[in-house]
Amino acid sequence: MTKIQFLLIGSLIAGAAGVWFALGTKLLDRLAMIALMATGIYFVALPDHTTAIAKFLGVGRGTDLLLYLSIITGSYAILLVYLRTRRLERKLTEHVRAMALHHAVPPVDQP
C-alpha cells in the first residue's frame, strides 16, 4: 500500500469514529456510515477494482465513476438538508404564531 492509501484509510476511519459518536443511538445512520466507510476503504485499498466496476458500468475510469457517484450523493444530501430546513422553518413559524396569539394583549381604547 502507498502512503496516500494509509492516509486516506486513516481519514475514513477517523471521520467514521467522529460520526459514530455524534449520531448517538440511531442504528440506521450508524449502519449506513459503516457501509460507506467500508466501501471507501475498499475503493482506496483496491483502486483496480474500482476501474473494473467502472468499465463494467460503461464508465471509462474508476475516478470518473467515483466523481459521478459523489455528485449524485452530494446533490441528494443538499436536497435533504434543504427539505429539513424548510420543515424546521414551518414549525418555527407555527410556534411563533401560537406564542404571539397566546401572549396577545387586547388593544387599549383611545379616548
Protein backbone atom coordinates (compact mmCIF):
# COMPACT_ATOMS: atom_id res chain seq x y z
CA MET A 1 0.00 0.00 0.00
CA THR A 2 1.13 3.54 -0.69
CA LYS A 3 1.39 6.38 1.81
CA ILE A 4 -1.68 8.12 0.41
CA GLN A 5 -3.74 4.95 0.85
CA PHE A 6 -2.79 4.80 4.54
CA LEU A 7 -3.63 8.49 4.90
CA LEU A 8 -7.00 8.11 3.17
CA ILE A 9 -7.97 5.00 5.10
CA GLY A 10 -6.95 6.67 8.37
CA SER A 11 -9.05 9.71 7.45
CA LEU A 12 -12.04 7.50 6.66
CA ILE A 13 -11.75 5.69 9.99
CA ALA A 14 -11.29 8.94 11.94
CA GLY A 15 -14.27 10.54 10.21
CA ALA A 16 -16.39 7.47 10.81
CA ALA A 17 -15.45 7.46 14.50
CA GLY A 18 -16.46 11.11 14.79
CA VAL A 19 -19.79 10.47 13.10
CA TRP A 20 -20.33 7.35 15.21
CA PHE A 21 -20.23 9.33 18.45
CA ALA A 22 -22.14 12.30 17.03
CA LEU A 23 -25.10 10.20 15.86
CA GLY A 24 -25.83 8.71 19.25
CA THR A 25 -28.08 5.68 19.06
CA LYS A 26 -29.51 6.00 15.55
CA LEU A 27 -28.85 2.47 14.36
CA LEU A 28 -29.79 3.04 10.73
CA ASP A 29 -27.45 6.04 10.48
CA ARG A 30 -24.63 4.08 12.05
CA LEU A 31 -25.13 1.15 9.67
CA ALA A 32 -25.16 3.47 6.66
CA MET A 33 -21.98 5.13 7.91
CA ILE A 34 -20.28 1.74 8.36
CA ALA A 35 -21.31 0.71 4.83
CA LEU A 36 -19.97 3.96 3.35
CA MET A 37 -16.72 3.67 5.29
CA ALA A 38 -16.23 0.05 4.24
CA THR A 39 -16.90 0.96 0.61
CA GLY A 40 -14.46 3.86 0.81
CA ILE A 41 -11.74 1.67 2.32
CA TYR A 42 -12.37 -0.96 -0.36
CA PHE A 43 -12.03 1.60 -3.17
CA VAL A 44 -8.89 3.12 -1.62
CA ALA A 45 -7.22 -0.21 -0.91
CA LEU A 46 -8.07 -1.77 -4.29
CA PRO A 47 -8.26 1.01 -6.91
CA ASP A 48 -8.04 -1.51 -9.77
CA HIS A 49 -11.37 -2.98 -8.66
CA THR A 50 -12.91 0.50 -8.89
CA THR A 51 -11.77 0.73 -12.50
CA ALA A 52 -13.13 -2.75 -13.24
CA ILE A 53 -16.51 -1.81 -11.76
CA ALA A 54 -16.48 1.42 -13.78
CA LYS A 55 -15.73 -0.40 -17.02
CA PHE A 56 -18.49 -2.90 -16.26
CA LEU A 57 -20.92 0.01 -15.83
CA GLY A 58 -19.73 1.67 -19.03
CA VAL A 59 -17.61 4.41 -17.45
CA GLY A 60 -14.03 4.86 -18.65
CA ARG A 61 -12.16 5.14 -15.35
CA GLY A 62 -12.79 4.39 -11.70
CA THR A 63 -12.03 8.01 -10.86
CA ASP A 64 -14.84 9.16 -13.13
CA LEU A 65 -17.24 6.69 -11.55
CA LEU A 66 -16.40 7.99 -8.08
CA LEU A 67 -16.87 11.57 -9.28
CA TYR A 68 -20.30 10.75 -10.70
CA LEU A 69 -21.33 8.95 -7.52
CA SER A 70 -20.07 11.87 -5.42
CA ILE A 71 -22.09 14.37 -7.46
CA ILE A 72 -25.25 12.30 -7.12
CA THR A 73 -24.71 11.71 -3.40
CA GLY A 74 -23.88 15.37 -2.75
CA SER A 75 -26.95 16.55 -4.63
CA TYR A 76 -29.12 14.17 -2.63
CA ALA A 77 -27.57 15.35 0.65
CA ILE A 78 -28.14 19.01 -0.29
CA LEU A 79 -31.77 18.25 -1.14
CA LEU A 80 -32.28 16.52 2.22
CA VAL A 81 -30.75 19.44 4.12
CA TYR A 82 -32.92 21.90 2.17
CA LEU A 83 -36.10 19.93 2.90
CA ARG A 84 -35.23 19.61 6.58
CA THR A 85 -34.55 23.35 6.79
CA ARG A 86 -37.89 24.14 5.15
CA ARG A 87 -39.70 21.83 7.59
CA LEU A 88 -37.98 23.45 10.57
CA GLU A 89 -38.83 26.93 9.28
CA ARG A 90 -42.50 25.96 9.02
CA LYS A 91 -42.51 24.53 12.54
CA LEU A 92 -40.79 27.61 13.91
CA THR A 93 -43.34 29.87 12.20
CA GLU A 94 -46.20 27.86 13.70
CA HIS A 95 -44.71 28.07 17.20
CA VAL A 96 -44.05 31.80 16.93
CA ARG A 97 -47.62 32.40 15.76
CA ALA A 98 -49.02 30.29 18.61
CA MET A 99 -46.90 32.15 21.15
CA ALA A 100 -47.96 35.50 19.71
CA LEU A 101 -51.63 34.57 19.98
CA HIS A 102 -51.17 33.18 23.49
CA HIS A 103 -49.42 36.31 24.75
CA ALA A 104 -51.51 38.79 22.81
CA VAL A 105 -52.70 41.86 24.69
CA PRO A 106 -56.01 43.41 23.69
CA PRO A 107 -55.66 46.95 22.34
CA VAL A 108 -56.29 49.79 24.73
CA ASP A 109 -59.21 52.04 23.73
CA GLN A 110 -58.06 55.56 22.96
CA PRO A 111 -60.41 58.41 24.05
